[in-house]
Amino acid sequence: HSHDAFSLIPQTPAQYDWLKRYCGTTYNVVIIHSVDK
């Protein structure tokens, strides 16, 4: 339960369901790597 909408790309069905319910998208997550990576 340590994840939040600004750091979670779903890795389990429960995380997916939670993020879908609260945000509906993965766009809030900033990834500290390049697009190419």
Full PDB file with SEQRES, HELIX, SHEET, SSBOND, CRYST1, ORIGX, SCALE, CONECT and MASTER records, all heavy atoms in Angstrom:
SEQRES   1 A   37  HIS SER HIS ASP ALA PHE SER LEU ILE PRO GLN THR PRO          
SEQRES   2 A   37  ALA GLN TYR ASP TRP LEU LYS ARG TYR CYS GLY THR THR          
SEQRES   3 A   37  TYR ASN VAL VAL ILE ILE HIS SER VAL ASP LYS                  
HELIX    1 AA1 PRO A   13  TYR A   22  1                                  10    
CRYST1    1.000    1.000    1.000  90.00  90.00  90.00 P 1           1          
ORIGX1      1.000000  0.000000  0.000000        0.00000                         
ORIGX2      0.000000  1.000000  0.000000        0.00000                         
ORIGX3      0.000000  0.000000  1.000000        0.00000                         
SCALE1      1.000000  0.000000  0.000000        0.00000                         
SCALE2      0.000000  1.000000  0.000000        0.00000                         
SCALE3      0.000000  0.000000  1.000000        0.00000                         
ATOM      1  N   HIS A   1       0.829  -1.199   0.000  1.00  0.00           N  
ATOM      2  CA  HIS A   1       0.000   0.000   0.000  1.00  0.00           C  
ATOM      3  C   HIS A   1       0.869   1.257   0.000  1.00  0.00           C  
ATOM      4  O   HIS A   1       0.406   2.341   0.315  1.00  0.00           O  
ATOM      5  CB  HIS A   1      -0.938   0.006   1.211  1.00  0.00           C  
ATOM      6  CG  HIS A   1      -1.935  -1.105   1.155  1.00  0.00           C  
ATOM      7  ND1 HIS A   1      -3.026  -1.092   0.336  1.00  0.00           N  
ATOM      8  CD2 HIS A   1      -1.961  -2.297   1.793  1.00  0.00           C  
ATOM      9  CE1 HIS A   1      -3.714  -2.206   0.473  1.00  0.00           C  
ATOM     10  NE2 HIS A   1      -3.081  -2.959   1.350  1.00  0.00           N  
ATOM     11  N   SER A   2       2.137   1.099  -0.368  1.00  0.00           N  
ATOM     12  CA  SER A   2       3.047   2.239  -0.347  1.00  0.00           C  
ATOM     13  C   SER A   2       3.062   3.002  -1.673  1.00  0.00           C  
ATOM     14  O   SER A   2       3.743   3.996  -1.791  1.00  0.00           O  
ATOM     15  CB  SER A   2       4.462   1.767  -0.022  1.00  0.00           C  
ATOM     16  OG  SER A   2       4.899   0.854  -1.006  1.00  0.00           O  
ATOM     17  N   HIS A   3       2.295   2.558  -2.659  1.00  0.00           N  
ATOM     18  CA  HIS A   3       2.292   3.241  -3.944  1.00  0.00           C  
ATOM     19  C   HIS A   3       1.321   4.432  -3.939  1.00  0.00           C  
ATOM     20  O   HIS A   3       0.493   4.552  -3.066  1.00  0.00           O  
ATOM     21  CB  HIS A   3       1.901   2.272  -5.068  1.00  0.00           C  
ATOM     22  CG  HIS A   3       0.588   1.604  -4.850  1.00  0.00           C  
ATOM     23  ND1 HIS A   3       0.492   0.377  -4.257  1.00  0.00           N  
ATOM     24  CD2 HIS A   3      -0.671   1.984  -5.124  1.00  0.00           C  
ATOM     25  CE1 HIS A   3      -0.784   0.037  -4.188  1.00  0.00           C  
ATOM     26  NE2 HIS A   3      -1.509   0.996  -4.702  1.00  0.00           N  
ATOM     27  N   ASP A   4       1.508   5.295  -4.926  1.00  0.00           N  
ATOM     28  CA  ASP A   4       0.579   6.403  -5.129  1.00  0.00           C  
ATOM     29  C   ASP A   4       0.440   6.637  -6.631  1.00  0.00           C  
ATOM     30  O   ASP A   4       1.138   6.032  -7.433  1.00  0.00           O  
ATOM     31  CB  ASP A   4       1.023   7.662  -4.391  1.00  0.00           C  
ATOM     32  CG  ASP A   4       2.357   8.189  -4.853  1.00  0.00           C  
ATOM     33  OD1 ASP A   4       2.636   8.163  -6.069  1.00  0.00           O  
ATOM     34  OD2 ASP A   4       3.128   8.642  -4.004  1.00  0.00           O  
ATOM     35  N   ALA A   5      -0.445   7.514  -7.008  1.00  0.00           N  
ATOM     36  CA  ALA A   5      -0.752   7.736  -8.421  1.00  0.00           C  
ATOM     37  C   ALA A   5       0.390   8.392  -9.180  1.00  0.00           C  
ATOM     38  O   ALA A   5       0.375   8.439 -10.402  1.00  0.00           O  
ATOM     39  CB  ALA A   5      -2.005   8.593  -8.535  1.00  0.00           C  
ATOM     40  N   PHE A   6       1.402   8.901  -8.470  1.00  0.00           N  
ATOM     41  CA  PHE A   6       2.515   9.574  -9.126  1.00  0.00           C  
ATOM     42  C   PHE A   6       3.744   8.694  -9.273  1.00  0.00           C  
ATOM     43  O   PHE A   6       4.772   9.143  -9.766  1.00  0.00           O  
ATOM     44  CB  PHE A   6       2.866  10.859  -8.379  1.00  0.00           C  
ATOM     45  CG  PHE A   6       1.704  11.803  -8.337  1.00  0.00           C  
ATOM     46  CD1 PHE A   6       0.945  11.939  -7.195  1.00  0.00           C  
ATOM     47  CD2 PHE A   6       1.334  12.518  -9.462  1.00  0.00           C  
ATOM     48  CE1 PHE A   6      -0.154  12.786  -7.162  1.00  0.00           C  
ATOM     49  CE2 PHE A   6       0.235  13.361  -9.446  1.00  0.00           C  
ATOM     50  CZ  PHE A   6      -0.503  13.497  -8.291  1.00  0.00           C  
ATOM     51  N   SER A   7       3.652   7.433  -8.844  1.00  0.00           N  
ATOM     52  CA  SER A   7       4.805   6.538  -8.972  1.00  0.00           C  
ATOM     53  C   SER A   7       4.439   5.133  -9.434  1.00  0.00           C  
ATOM     54  O   SER A   7       5.308   4.297  -9.564  1.00  0.00           O  
ATOM     55  CB  SER A   7       5.537   6.445  -7.629  1.00  0.00           C  
ATOM     56  OG  SER A   7       4.702   5.825  -6.657  1.00  0.00           O  
ATOM     57  N   LEU A   8       3.173   4.876  -9.699  1.00  0.00           N  
ATOM     58  CA  LEU A   8       2.738   3.508  -9.960  1.00  0.00           C  
ATOM     59  C   LEU A   8       2.451   3.240 -11.440  1.00  0.00           C  
ATOM     60  O   LEU A   8       1.595   3.869 -12.043  1.00  0.00           O  
ATOM     61  CB  LEU A   8       1.473   3.205  -9.156  1.00  0.00           C  
ATOM     62  CG  LEU A   8       0.866   1.815  -9.361  1.00  0.00           C  
ATOM     63  CD1 LEU A   8       1.811   0.735  -8.857  1.00  0.00           C  
ATOM     64  CD2 LEU A   8      -0.471   1.713  -8.666  1.00  0.00           C  
ATOM     65  N   ILE A   9       3.205   2.308 -12.011  1.00  0.00           N  
ATOM     66  CA  ILE A   9       2.838   1.641 -13.255  1.00  0.00           C  
ATOM     67  C   ILE A   9       2.426   0.250 -12.784  1.00  0.00           C  
ATOM     68  O   ILE A   9       3.227  -0.452 -12.175  1.00  0.00           O  
ATOM     69  CB  ILE A   9       4.019   1.559 -14.246  1.00  0.00           C  
ATOM     70  CG1 ILE A   9       4.550   2.937 -14.592  1.00  0.00           C  
ATOM     71  CG2 ILE A   9       3.609   0.788 -15.496  1.00  0.00           C  
ATOM     72  CD1 ILE A   9       3.631   3.808 -15.429  1.00  0.00           C  
ATOM     73  N   PRO A  10       1.186  -0.155 -12.980  1.00  0.00           N  
ATOM     74  CA  PRO A  10       0.666  -1.382 -12.359  1.00  0.00           C  
ATOM     75  C   PRO A  10       1.494  -2.632 -12.649  1.00  0.00           C  
ATOM     76  O   PRO A  10       1.918  -2.860 -13.775  1.00  0.00           O  
ATOM     77  CB  PRO A  10      -0.726  -1.529 -12.970  1.00  0.00           C  
ATOM     78  CG  PRO A  10      -1.094  -0.181 -13.451  1.00  0.00           C  
ATOM     79  CD  PRO A  10       0.188   0.488 -13.829  1.00  0.00           C  
ATOM     80  N   GLN A  11       1.720  -3.424 -11.578  1.00  0.00           N  
ATOM     81  CA  GLN A  11       2.468  -4.665 -11.680  1.00  0.00           C  
ATOM     82  C   GLN A  11       1.664  -5.853 -11.177  1.00  0.00           C  
ATOM     83  O   GLN A  11       2.104  -6.993 -11.288  1.00  0.00           O  
ATOM     84  CB  GLN A  11       3.784  -4.532 -10.904  1.00  0.00           C  
ATOM     85  CG  GLN A  11       4.666  -3.442 -11.477  1.00  0.00           C  
ATOM     86  CD  GLN A  11       5.607  -2.855 -10.461  1.00  0.00           C  
ATOM     87  OE1 GLN A  11       6.086  -3.555  -9.581  1.00  0.00           O  
ATOM     88  NE2 GLN A  11       5.883  -1.567 -10.579  1.00  0.00           N  
ATOM     89  N   THR A  12       0.484  -5.587 -10.627  1.00  0.00           N  
ATOM     90  CA  THR A  12      -0.416  -6.648 -10.179  1.00  0.00           C  
ATOM     91  C   THR A  12      -1.847  -6.236 -10.548  1.00  0.00           C  
ATOM     92  O   THR A  12      -2.114  -5.048 -10.760  1.00  0.00           O  
ATOM     93  CB  THR A  12      -0.359  -6.863  -8.653  1.00  0.00           C  
ATOM     94  OG1 THR A  12      -0.869  -5.698  -8.007  1.00  0.00           O  
ATOM     95  CG2 THR A  12       1.057  -7.146  -8.160  1.00  0.00           C  
ATOM     96  N   PRO A  13      -2.766  -7.193 -10.611  1.00  0.00           N  
ATOM     97  CA  PRO A  13      -4.162  -6.828 -10.902  1.00  0.00           C  
ATOM     98  C   PRO A  13      -4.751  -5.850  -9.883  1.00  0.00           C  
ATOM     99  O   PRO A  13      -5.504  -4.948 -10.256  1.00  0.00           O  
ATOM    100  CB  PRO A  13      -4.888  -8.173 -10.872  1.00  0.00           C  
ATOM    101  CG  PRO A  13      -3.840  -9.176 -11.237  1.00  0.00           C  
ATOM    102  CD  PRO A  13      -2.570  -8.650 -10.616  1.00  0.00           C  
ATOM    103  N   ALA A  14      -4.398  -6.002  -8.611  1.00  0.00           N  
ATOM    104  CA  ALA A  14      -4.926  -5.092  -7.590  1.00  0.00           C  
ATOM    105  C   ALA A  14      -4.420  -3.664  -7.805  1.00  0.00           C  
ATOM    106  O   ALA A  14      -5.174  -2.704  -7.660  1.00  0.00           O  
ATOM    107  CB  ALA A  14      -4.548  -5.584  -6.201  1.00  0.00           C  
ATOM    108  N   GLN A  15      -3.148  -3.516  -8.159  1.00  0.00           N  
ATOM    109  CA  GLN A  15      -2.596  -2.191  -8.434  1.00  0.00           C  
ATOM    110  C   GLN A  15      -3.264  -1.585  -9.660  1.00  0.00           C  
ATOM    111  O   GLN A  15      -3.567  -0.393  -9.688  1.00  0.00           O  
ATOM    112  CB  GLN A  15      -1.083  -2.275  -8.644  1.00  0.00           C  
ATOM    113  CG  GLN A  15      -0.325  -2.617  -7.393  1.00  0.00           C  
ATOM    114  CD  GLN A  15       1.141  -2.887  -7.665  1.00  0.00           C  
ATOM    115  OE1 GLN A  15       1.582  -2.983  -8.809  1.00  0.00           O  
ATOM    116  NE2 GLN A  15       1.907  -3.032  -6.601  1.00  0.00           N  
ATOM    117  N   TYR A  16      -3.505  -2.381 -10.680  1.00  0.00           N  
ATOM    118  CA  TYR A  16      -4.193  -1.908 -11.880  1.00  0.00           C  
ATOM    119  C   TYR A  16      -5.588  -1.390 -11.519  1.00  0.00           C  
ATOM    120  O   TYR A  16      -5.970  -0.294 -11.914  1.00  0.00           O  
ATOM    121  CB  TYR A  16      -4.298  -3.038 -12.908  1.00  0.00           C  
ATOM    122  CG  TYR A  16      -5.052  -2.646 -14.152  1.00  0.00           C  
ATOM    123  CD1 TYR A  16      -4.385  -2.166 -15.269  1.00  0.00           C  
ATOM    124  CD2 TYR A  16      -6.444  -2.733 -14.217  1.00  0.00           C  
ATOM    125  CE1 TYR A  16      -5.071  -1.791 -16.417  1.00  0.00           C  
ATOM    126  CE2 TYR A  16      -7.142  -2.353 -15.353  1.00  0.00           C  
ATOM    127  CZ  TYR A  16      -6.452  -1.886 -16.441  1.00  0.00           C  
ATOM    128  OH  TYR A  16      -7.135  -1.502 -17.567  1.00  0.00           O  
ATOM    129  N   ASP A  17      -6.339  -2.190 -10.756  1.00  0.00           N  
ATOM    130  CA  ASP A  17      -7.700  -1.800 -10.380  1.00  0.00           C  
ATOM    131  C   ASP A  17      -7.707  -0.518  -9.560  1.00  0.00           C  
ATOM    132  O   ASP A  17      -8.552   0.356  -9.747  1.00  0.00           O  
ATOM    133  CB  ASP A  17      -8.387  -2.935  -9.603  1.00  0.00           C  
ATOM    134  CG  ASP A  17      -8.637  -4.159 -10.472  1.00  0.00           C  
ATOM    135  OD1 ASP A  17      -8.663  -4.031 -11.717  1.00  0.00           O  
ATOM    136  OD2 ASP A  17      -8.794  -5.252  -9.900  1.00  0.00           O  
ATOM    137  N   TRP A  18      -6.747  -0.387  -8.640  1.00  0.00           N  
ATOM    138  CA  TRP A  18      -6.655   0.810  -7.811  1.00  0.00           C  
ATOM    139  C   TRP A  18      -6.373   2.039  -8.678  1.00  0.00           C  
ATOM    140  O   TRP A  18      -7.040   3.071  -8.554  1.00  0.00           O  
ATOM    141  CB  TRP A  18      -5.561   0.640  -6.760  1.00  0.00           C  
ATOM    142  CG  TRP A  18      -5.414   1.823  -5.867  1.00  0.00           C  
ATOM    143  CD1 TRP A  18      -6.107   2.083  -4.727  1.00  0.00           C  
ATOM    144  CD2 TRP A  18      -4.526   2.940  -6.062  1.00  0.00           C  
ATOM    145  NE1 TRP A  18      -5.709   3.291  -4.204  1.00  0.00           N  
ATOM    146  CE2 TRP A  18      -4.746   3.832  -4.993  1.00  0.00           C  
ATOM    147  CE3 TRP A  18      -3.577   3.257  -7.029  1.00  0.00           C  
ATOM    148  CZ2 TRP A  18      -4.040   5.023  -4.871  1.00  0.00           C  
ATOM    149  CZ3 TRP A  18      -2.882   4.445  -6.902  1.00  0.00           C  
ATOM    150  CH2 TRP A  18      -3.111   5.315  -5.827  1.00  0.00           C  
ATOM    151  N   LEU A  19      -5.373   1.942  -9.568  1.00  0.00           N  
ATOM    152  CA  LEU A  19      -5.012   3.087 -10.403  1.00  0.00           C  
ATOM    153  C   LEU A  19      -6.137   3.436 -11.371  1.00  0.00           C  
ATOM    154  O   LEU A  19      -6.414   4.615 -11.609  1.00  0.00           O  
ATOM    155  CB  LEU A  19      -3.720   2.792 -11.177  1.00  0.00           C  
ATOM    156  CG  LEU A  19      -3.077   3.995 -11.863  1.00  0.00           C  
ATOM    157  CD1 LEU A  19      -2.660   5.048 -10.837  1.00  0.00           C  
ATOM    158  CD2 LEU A  19      -1.889   3.575 -12.690  1.00  0.00           C  
ATOM    159  N   LYS A  20      -6.816   2.442 -11.895  1.00  0.00           N  
ATOM    160  CA  LYS A  20      -7.950   2.690 -12.792  1.00  0.00           C  
ATOM    161  C   LYS A  20      -9.051   3.447 -12.061  1.00  0.00           C  
ATOM    162  O   LYS A  20      -9.624   4.395 -12.587  1.00  0.00           O  
ATOM    163  CB  LYS A  20      -8.486   1.369 -13.330  1.00  0.00           C  
ATOM    164  CG  LYS A  20      -9.666   1.551 -14.241  1.00  0.00           C  
ATOM    165  CD  LYS A  20     -10.188   0.214 -14.707  1.00  0.00           C  
ATOM    166  CE  LYS A  20     -11.477   0.412 -15.467  1.00  0.00           C  
ATOM    167  NZ  LYS A  20     -12.104  -0.845 -15.802  1.00  0.00           N  
ATOM    168  N   ARG A  21      -9.322   3.041 -10.827  1.00  0.00           N  
ATOM    169  CA  ARG A  21     -10.390   3.674 -10.044  1.00  0.00           C  
ATOM    170  C   ARG A  21     -10.050   5.116  -9.699  1.00  0.00           C  
ATOM    171  O   ARG A  21     -10.886   6.006  -9.770  1.00  0.00           O  
ATOM    172  CB  ARG A  21     -10.640   2.857  -8.777  1.00  0.00           C  
ATOM    173  CG  ARG A  21     -11.771   3.361  -7.926  1.00  0.00           C  
ATOM    174  CD  ARG A  21     -12.085   2.449  -6.744  1.00  0.00           C  
ATOM    175  NE  ARG A  21     -10.900   1.958  -6.074  1.00  0.00           N  
ATOM    176  CZ  ARG A  21     -10.581   0.657  -5.936  1.00  0.00           C  
ATOM    177  NH1 ARG A  21     -11.352  -0.276  -6.419  1.00  0.00           N  
ATOM    178  NH2 ARG A  21      -9.484   0.296  -5.314  1.00  0.00           N  
ATOM    179  N   TYR A  22      -8.796   5.408  -9.337  1.00  0.00           N  
ATOM    180  CA  TYR A  22      -8.431   6.743  -8.868  1.00  0.00           C  
ATOM    181  C   TYR A  22      -7.948   7.693  -9.957  1.00  0.00           C  
ATOM    182  O   TYR A  22      -8.078   8.906  -9.815  1.00  0.00           O  
ATOM    183  CB  TYR A  22      -7.400   6.658  -7.746  1.00  0.00           C  
ATOM    184  CG  TYR A  22      -8.020   6.174  -6.474  1.00  0.00           C  
ATOM    185  CD1 TYR A  22      -7.905   4.849  -6.076  1.00  0.00           C  
ATOM    186  CD2 TYR A  22      -8.794   7.009  -5.691  1.00  0.00           C  
ATOM    187  CE1 TYR A  22      -8.508   4.395  -4.926  1.00  0.00           C  
ATOM    188  CE2 TYR A  22      -9.413   6.568  -4.546  1.00  0.00           C  
ATOM    189  CZ  TYR A  22      -9.257   5.252  -4.164  1.00  0.00           C  
ATOM    190  OH  TYR A  22      -9.873   4.804  -3.030  1.00  0.00           O  
ATOM    191  N   CYS A  23      -7.364   7.173 -11.035  1.00  0.00           N  
ATOM    192  CA  CYS A  23      -6.816   8.066 -12.064  1.00  0.00           C  
ATOM    193  C   CYS A  23      -7.309   7.748 -13.466  1.00  0.00           C  
ATOM    194  O   CYS A  23      -7.529   8.655 -14.249  1.00  0.00           O  
ATOM    195  CB  CYS A  23      -5.295   7.983 -12.074  1.00  0.00           C  
ATOM    196  SG  CYS A  23      -4.565   8.558 -10.557  1.00  0.00           S  
ATOM    197  N   GLY A  24      -7.383   6.487 -13.784  1.00  0.00           N  
ATOM    198  CA  GLY A  24      -7.799   6.086 -15.116  1.00  0.00           C  
ATOM    199  C   GLY A  24      -6.705   6.134 -16.162  1.00  0.00           C  
ATOM    200  O   GLY A  24      -6.908   5.813 -17.315  1.00  0.00           O  
ATOM    201  N   THR A  25      -5.489   6.533 -15.754  1.00  0.00           N  
ATOM    202  CA  THR A  25      -4.375   6.651 -16.693  1.00  0.00           C  
ATOM    203  C   THR A  25      -3.049   6.486 -15.950  1.00  0.00           C  
ATOM    204  O   THR A  25      -2.985   6.643 -14.737  1.00  0.00           O  
ATOM    205  CB  THR A  25      -4.404   8.016 -17.411  1.00  0.00           C  
ATOM    206  OG1 THR A  25      -3.337   8.054 -18.359  1.00  0.00           O  
ATOM    207  CG2 THR A  25      -4.289   9.175 -16.455  1.00  0.00           C  
ATOM    208  N   THR A  26      -1.988   6.203 -16.729  1.00  0.00           N  
ATOM    209  CA  THR A  26      -0.647   6.134 -16.145  1.00  0.00           C  
ATOM    210  C   THR A  26       0.108   7.446 -16.364  1.00  0.00           C  
ATOM    211  O   THR A  26       1.270   7.554 -16.003  1.00  0.00           O  
ATOM    212  CB  THR A  26       0.166   4.995 -16.789  1.00  0.00           C  
ATOM    213  OG1 THR A  26       0.275   5.245 -18.195  1.00  0.00           O  
ATOM    214  CG2 THR A  26      -0.473   3.645 -16.547  1.00  0.00           C  
ATOM    215  N   TYR A  27      -0.528   8.447 -16.942  1.00  0.00           N  
ATOM    216  CA  TYR A  27       0.159   9.672 -17.353  1.00  0.00           C  
ATOM    217  C   TYR A  27       0.734  10.487 -16.187  1.00  0.00           C  
ATOM    218  O   TYR A  27       1.629  11.298 -16.389  1.00  0.00           O  
ATOM    219  CB  TYR A  27      -0.778  10.552 -18.194  1.00  0.00           C  
ATOM    220  CG  TYR A  27      -0.053  11.690 -18.863  1.00  0.00           C  
ATOM    221  CD1 TYR A  27       0.818  11.446 -19.913  1.00  0.00           C  
ATOM    222  CD2 TYR A  27      -0.212  12.997 -18.433  1.00  0.00           C  
ATOM    223  CE1 TYR A  27       1.504  12.475 -20.527  1.00  0.00           C  
ATOM    224  CE2 TYR A  27       0.469  14.036 -19.045  1.00  0.00           C  
ATOM    225  CZ  TYR A  27       1.323  13.765 -20.093  1.00  0.00           C  
ATOM    226  OH  TYR A  27       2.013  14.782 -20.703  1.00  0.00           O  
ATOM    227  N   ASN A  28       0.257  10.299 -14.992  1.00  0.00           N  
ATOM    228  CA  ASN A  28       0.750  11.078 -13.849  1.00  0.00           C  
ATOM    229  C   ASN A  28       2.158  10.681 -13.418  1.00  0.00           C  
ATOM    230  O   ASN A  28       2.800  11.399 -12.674  1.00  0.00           O  
ATOM    231  CB  ASN A  28      -0.191  10.913 -12.652  1.00  0.00           C  
ATOM    232  CG  ASN A  28      -1.552  11.477 -12.936  1.00  0.00           C  
ATOM    233  OD1 ASN A  28      -1.687  12.516 -13.554  1.00  0.00           O  
ATOM    234  ND2 ASN A  28      -2.586  10.781 -12.491  1.00  0.00           N  
ATOM    235  N   VAL A  29       2.630   9.541 -13.864  1.00  0.00           N  
ATOM    236  CA  VAL A  29       3.924   9.012 -13.423  1.00  0.00           C  
ATOM    237  C   VAL A  29       5.050   9.584 -14.277  1.00  0.00           C  
ATOM    238  O   VAL A  29       5.084   9.384 -15.485  1.00  0.00           O  
ATOM    239  CB  VAL A  29       3.948   7.464 -13.508  1.00  0.00           C  
ATOM    240  CG1 VAL A  29       5.277   6.923 -13.021  1.00  0.00           C  
ATOM    241  CG2 VAL A  29       2.800   6.876 -12.706  1.00  0.00           C  
ATOM    242  N   VAL A  30       5.985  10.287 -13.635  1.00  0.00           N  
ATOM    243  CA  VAL A  30       7.176  10.778 -14.319  1.00  0.00           C  
ATOM    244  C   VAL A  30       8.270   9.737 -14.104  1.00  0.00           C  
ATOM    245  O   VAL A  30       8.578   9.359 -12.984  1.00  0.00           O  
ATOM    246  CB  VAL A  30       7.627  12.149 -13.779  1.00  0.00           C  
ATOM    247  CG1 VAL A  30       8.942  12.564 -14.402  1.00  0.00           C  
ATOM    248  CG2 VAL A  30       6.560  13.194 -14.027  1.00  0.00           C  
ATOM    249  N   ILE A  31       8.848   9.272 -15.209  1.00  0.00           N  
ATOM    250  CA  ILE A  31       9.901   8.259 -15.152  1.00  0.00           C  
ATOM    251  C   ILE A  31      11.223   8.960 -15.403  1.00  0.00           C  
ATOM    252  O   ILE A  31      11.366   9.693 -16.387  1.00  0.00           O  
ATOM    253  CB  ILE A  31       9.632   7.165 -16.203  1.00  0.00           C  
ATOM    254  CG1 ILE A  31       8.277   6.518 -15.897  1.00  0.00           C  
ATOM    255  CG2 ILE A  31      10.745   6.134 -16.206  1.00  0.00           C  
ATOM    256  CD1 ILE A  31       7.790   5.574 -16.944  1.00  0.00           C  
ATOM    257  N   ILE A  32      12.196   8.711 -14.538  1.00  0.00           N  
ATOM    258  CA  ILE A  32      13.457   9.444 -14.610  1.00  0.00           C  
ATOM    259  C   ILE A  32      14.457   8.794 -15.572  1.00  0.00           C  
ATOM    260  O   ILE A  32      15.647   8.735 -15.306  1.00  0.00           O  
ATOM    261  CB  ILE A  32      14.081   9.643 -13.214  1.00  0.00           C  
ATOM    262  CG1 ILE A  32      14.292   8.309 -12.533  1.00  0.00           C  
ATOM    263  CG2 ILE A  32      13.213  10.543 -12.369  1.00  0.00           C  
ATOM    264  CD1 ILE A  32      15.109   8.390 -11.260  1.00  0.00           C  
ATOM    265  N   HIS A  33      13.952   8.355 -16.685  1.00  0.00           N  
ATOM    266  CA  HIS A  33      14.780   7.795 -17.752  1.00  0.00           C  
ATOM    267  C   HIS A  33      14.296   8.376 -19.078  1.00  0.00           C  
ATOM    268  O   HIS A  33      13.205   8.923 -19.165  1.00  0.00           O  
ATOM    269  CB  HIS A  33      14.685   6.263 -17.773  1.00  0.00           C  
ATOM    270  CG  HIS A  33      15.219   5.628 -16.539  1.00  0.00           C  
ATOM    271  ND1 HIS A  33      16.565   5.447 -16.313  1.00  0.00           N  
ATOM    272  CD2 HIS A  33      14.588   5.157 -15.439  1.00  0.00           C  
ATOM    273  CE1 HIS A  33      16.738   4.880 -15.131  1.00  0.00           C  
ATOM    274  NE2 HIS A  33      15.551   4.698 -14.584  1.00  0.00           N  
ATOM    275  N   SER A  34      15.110   8.217 -20.111  1.00  0.00           N  
ATOM    276  CA  SER A  34      14.753   8.770 -21.421  1.00  0.00           C  
ATOM    277  C   SER A  34      13.733   7.890 -22.137  1.00  0.00           C  
ATOM    278  O   SER A  34      13.555   6.716 -21.806  1.00  0.00           O  
ATOM    279  CB  SER A  34      16.009   8.896 -22.288  1.00  0.00           C  
ATOM    280  OG  SER A  34      16.480   7.606 -22.637  1.00  0.00           O  
ATOM    281  N   VAL A  35      13.107   8.478 -23.132  1.00  0.00           N  
ATOM    282  CA  VAL A  35      12.153   7.754 -23.964  1.00  0.00           C  
ATOM    283  C   VAL A  35      12.842   6.551 -24.611  1.00  0.00           C  
ATOM    284  O   VAL A  35      12.306   5.445 -24.633  1.00  0.00           O  
ATOM    285  CB  VAL A  35      11.554   8.679 -25.051  1.00  0.00           C  
ATOM    286  CG1 VAL A  35      10.725   7.893 -26.045  1.00  0.00           C  
ATOM    287  CG2 VAL A  35      10.730   9.787 -24.410  1.00  0.00           C  
ATOM    288  N   ASP A  36      14.058   6.760 -25.107  1.00  0.00           N  
ATOM    289  CA  ASP A  36      14.795   5.677 -25.772  1.00  0.00           C  
ATOM    290  C   ASP A  36      15.056   4.502 -24.837  1.00  0.00           C  
ATOM    291  O   ASP A  36      14.971   3.349 -25.244  1.00  0.00           O  
ATOM    292  CB  ASP A  36      16.116   6.192 -26.333  1.00  0.00           C  
ATOM    293  CG  ASP A  36      15.914   7.201 -27.455  1.00  0.00           C  
ATOM    294  OD1 ASP A  36      14.861   7.137 -28.123  1.00  0.00           O  
ATOM    295  OD2 ASP A  36      16.800   8.048 -27.654  1.00  0.00           O  
ATOM    296  N   LYS A  37      15.371   4.799 -23.596  1.00  0.00           N  
ATOM    297  CA  LYS A  37      15.634   3.733 -22.615  1.00  0.00           C  
ATOM    298  C   LYS A  37      14.368   2.919 -22.362  1.00  0.00           C  
ATOM    299  O   LYS A  37      14.413   1.682 -22.310  1.00  0.00           O  
ATOM    300  CB  LYS A  37      16.148   4.359 -21.308  1.00  0.00           C  
ATOM    301  CG  LYS A  37      16.507   3.369 -20.246  1.00  0.00           C  
ATOM    302  CD  LYS A  37      17.826   2.723 -20.559  1.00  0.00           C  
ATOM    303  CE  LYS A  37      18.261   1.918 -19.348  1.00  0.00           C  
ATOM    304  NZ  LYS A  37      19.451   1.161 -19.607  1.00  0.00           N  
TER     305      LYS A  37                                                      
MASTER        0    0    0    1    0    0    0    6  304    1    0    3          
END                                                                             
